[in-house]
Amino acid sequence: MLLINKRDKIKWFQGITINDVFSVMGYNYPLITVFINDIFLSEDDYSTFEIPDEANVIIFHLAHGG
């Protein structure tokens, strides 16, 4: 099980990546930041980094405007 933003839980599976989490959660924000167990994850790793089971995943989108 993965805990997303300290409130949502999704089922973990072998090989799950941040892009998989985005898909499950319906996230498609253009500016987004991700931490896995309090470690910043680079956008370059979203499709390859395998999230460990029981990980704490923090995902937030950066708001911009005037």
C-alpha atoms as a PDB file:
ATOM      1  CA  MET A   1       0.000   0.000   0.000  1.00  0.00           C
ATOM      2  CA  LEU A   2       1.215   3.525  -0.757  1.00  0.00           C
ATOM      3  CA  LEU A   3       0.187   6.574   1.240  1.00  0.00           C
ATOM      4  CA  ILE A   4      -0.296   9.579  -1.032  1.00  0.00           C
ATOM      5  CA  ASN A   5      -0.216  13.065   0.514  1.00  0.00           C
ATOM      6  CA  LYS A   6      -0.782  11.635   3.989  1.00  0.00           C
ATOM      7  CA  ARG A   7      -4.430  10.855   3.223  1.00  0.00           C
ATOM      8  CA  ASP A   8      -5.022   8.711   0.126  1.00  0.00           C
ATOM      9  CA  LYS A   9      -4.007   5.073  -0.135  1.00  0.00           C
ATOM     10  CA  ILE A  10      -3.447   3.178  -3.348  1.00  0.00           C
ATOM     11  CA  LYS A  11      -2.539  -0.431  -3.921  1.00  0.00           C
ATOM     12  CA  TRP A  12       1.174  -1.091  -4.381  1.00  0.00           C
ATOM     13  CA  PHE A  13       2.398  -3.430  -7.097  1.00  0.00           C
ATOM     14  CA  GLN A  14       5.853  -4.567  -8.160  1.00  0.00           C
ATOM     15  CA  GLY A  15       7.468  -1.954 -10.427  1.00  0.00           C
ATOM     16  CA  ILE A  16       5.062   0.911  -9.652  1.00  0.00           C
ATOM     17  CA  THR A  17       6.454   4.303 -10.692  1.00  0.00           C
ATOM     18  CA  ILE A  18       5.414   7.893 -10.141  1.00  0.00           C
ATOM     19  CA  ASN A  19       3.858   7.955 -13.608  1.00  0.00           C
ATOM     20  CA  ASP A  20       1.699   4.995 -12.529  1.00  0.00           C
ATOM     21  CA  VAL A  21       0.660   6.899  -9.403  1.00  0.00           C
ATOM     22  CA  PHE A  22      -0.211   9.955 -11.524  1.00  0.00           C
ATOM     23  CA  SER A  23      -2.419   7.742 -13.670  1.00  0.00           C
ATOM     24  CA  VAL A  24      -4.193   6.103 -10.721  1.00  0.00           C
ATOM     25  CA  MET A  25      -4.720   9.441  -8.971  1.00  0.00           C
ATOM     26  CA  GLY A  26      -5.748  11.294 -12.141  1.00  0.00           C
ATOM     27  CA  TYR A  27      -2.932  13.833 -11.786  1.00  0.00           C
ATOM     28  CA  ASN A  28      -1.949  15.681 -14.961  1.00  0.00           C
ATOM     29  CA  TYR A  29      -0.616  18.969 -13.631  1.00  0.00           C
ATOM     30  CA  PRO A  30       2.063  20.692 -15.738  1.00  0.00           C
ATOM     31  CA  LEU A  31       4.205  21.705 -12.731  1.00  0.00           C
ATOM     32  CA  ILE A  32       4.502  19.014 -10.098  1.00  0.00           C
ATOM     33  CA  THR A  33       6.923  18.078  -7.309  1.00  0.00           C
ATOM     34  CA  VAL A  34       7.341  14.624  -5.803  1.00  0.00           C
ATOM     35  CA  PHE A  35       8.943  13.315  -2.611  1.00  0.00           C
ATOM     36  CA  ILE A  36       9.256   9.606  -1.797  1.00  0.00           C
ATOM     37  CA  ASN A  37       9.922   8.995   1.906  1.00  0.00           C
ATOM     38  CA  ASP A  38      11.035  12.645   2.226  1.00  0.00           C
ATOM     39  CA  ILE A  39      13.516  12.392  -0.671  1.00  0.00           C
ATOM     40  CA  PHE A  40      13.019  14.674  -3.693  1.00  0.00           C
ATOM     41  CA  LEU A  41      12.475  12.765  -6.919  1.00  0.00           C
ATOM     42  CA  SER A  42      13.647  14.323 -10.187  1.00  0.00           C
ATOM     43  CA  GLU A  43      11.179  14.494 -13.067  1.00  0.00           C
ATOM     44  CA  ASP A  44      13.672  12.418 -15.083  1.00  0.00           C
ATOM     45  CA  ASP A  45      12.982   9.521 -12.689  1.00  0.00           C
ATOM     46  CA  TYR A  46       9.161   9.572 -12.796  1.00  0.00           C
ATOM     47  CA  SER A  47       8.967   6.724 -15.304  1.00  0.00           C
ATOM     48  CA  THR A  48      11.823   4.578 -13.989  1.00  0.00           C
ATOM     49  CA  PHE A  49      12.083   4.892 -10.190  1.00  0.00           C
ATOM     50  CA  GLU A  50      10.306   1.945  -8.572  1.00  0.00           C
ATOM     51  CA  ILE A  51       8.481   3.032  -5.425  1.00  0.00           C
ATOM     52  CA  PRO A  52       8.951   0.678  -2.472  1.00  0.00           C
ATOM     53  CA  ASP A  53       5.927  -0.834  -0.736  1.00  0.00           C
ATOM     54  CA  GLU A  54       4.654   1.189   2.238  1.00  0.00           C
ATOM     55  CA  ALA A  55       6.296   4.375   0.902  1.00  0.00           C
ATOM     56  CA  ASN A  56       5.081   7.802   1.913  1.00  0.00           C
ATOM     57  CA  VAL A  57       4.532   9.718  -1.333  1.00  0.00           C
ATOM     58  CA  ILE A  58       4.060  13.480  -1.311  1.00  0.00           C
ATOM     59  CA  ILE A  59       2.884  15.006  -4.579  1.00  0.00           C
ATOM     60  CA  PHE A  60       1.986  18.635  -4.983  1.00  0.00           C
ATOM     61  CA  HIS A  61       1.448  20.852  -7.956  1.00  0.00           C
ATOM     62  CA  LEU A  62       2.984  24.277  -8.104  1.00  0.00           C
ATOM     63  CA  ALA A  63       0.440  27.018  -8.539  1.00  0.00           C
ATOM     64  CA  HIS A  64       1.375  30.045 -10.551  1.00  0.00           C
ATOM     65  CA  GLY A  65      -0.344  33.126 -11.796  1.00  0.00           C
ATOM     66  CA  GLY A  66      -0.892  36.694 -10.839  1.00  0.00           C
END
